[in-house]
């Protein structure tokens, strides 16, 4: 799959939400960096929170 995120590029080893090890099926791209999570739920929670914070910071 072209453009797929790779765990080798991940900037973290543990999930910032749970502290558990990251899983290769739970990656996201944030500010140009690959960030890993232990599961897709943590990833989706992070993405939602990041969008909200970015909107506030950007004044939107």
Protein backbone atom coordinates (compact mmCIF):
# COMPACT_ATOMS: atom_id res chain seq x y z
CA UNK A 1 0.00 0.00 0.00
CA UNK A 2 1.63 3.24 -1.16
CA UNK A 3 1.93 5.94 1.47
CA UNK A 4 1.43 3.52 4.35
CA UNK A 5 3.02 4.53 7.64
CA UNK A 6 5.91 2.37 8.83
CA UNK A 7 6.61 1.52 12.47
CA UNK A 8 10.34 1.92 11.71
CA UNK A 9 9.67 5.67 11.34
CA UNK A 10 7.77 5.92 14.63
CA UNK A 11 9.12 8.55 17.05
CA UNK A 12 7.95 6.66 20.15
CA UNK A 13 8.06 3.11 21.54
CA UNK A 14 5.19 3.39 24.01
CA UNK A 15 1.66 4.70 23.55
CA UNK A 16 1.35 8.27 24.88
CA UNK A 17 -2.20 7.50 25.98
CA UNK A 18 -1.71 4.19 27.84
CA UNK A 19 2.02 3.61 28.28
CA UNK A 20 1.77 0.25 26.51
CA UNK A 21 4.00 -0.73 23.56
CA UNK A 22 3.00 0.68 20.18
CA UNK A 23 1.36 -1.53 17.57
CA UNK A 24 2.14 -1.31 13.86
CA UNK A 25 -1.57 -1.07 12.94
CA UNK A 26 -2.10 1.99 15.19
CA UNK A 27 0.09 4.68 13.67
CA UNK A 28 -0.75 8.25 12.71
CA UNK A 29 1.05 11.14 11.11
CA UNK A 30 1.20 14.24 13.29
CA UNK A 31 3.09 17.37 12.25
CA UNK A 32 5.12 15.34 9.80
CA UNK A 33 6.13 12.64 12.28
CA UNK A 34 4.87 9.07 12.68
CA UNK A 35 3.40 8.58 16.16
CA UNK A 36 2.47 5.12 17.45
CA UNK A 37 -0.28 3.92 19.76
CA UNK A 38 -1.11 0.60 21.40
CA UNK A 39 -4.45 0.31 19.57
CA UNK A 40 -6.63 2.16 17.10
CA UNK A 41 -8.85 3.53 19.89
CA UNK A 42 -5.94 5.41 21.47
CA UNK A 43 -4.85 6.60 18.02
CA UNK A 44 -8.32 7.90 17.20
CA UNK A 45 -8.64 9.59 20.62
CA UNK A 46 -5.30 11.33 20.05
CA UNK A 47 -6.28 12.46 16.55
CA UNK A 48 -9.52 13.95 17.84
CA UNK A 49 -7.77 15.78 20.69
CA UNK A 50 -4.93 16.97 18.44
CA UNK A 51 -7.39 18.48 15.93
CA UNK A 52 -9.14 20.34 18.75
CA UNK A 53 -5.89 21.71 20.18
CA UNK A 54 -4.52 22.62 16.75
CA UNK A 55 -7.73 24.52 15.97
CA UNK A 56 -7.40 26.53 19.18
CA UNK A 57 -3.71 27.22 18.60
CA UNK A 58 -4.34 28.22 14.99
CA UNK A 59 -7.25 30.44 16.02
CA UNK A 60 -9.93 28.49 14.15
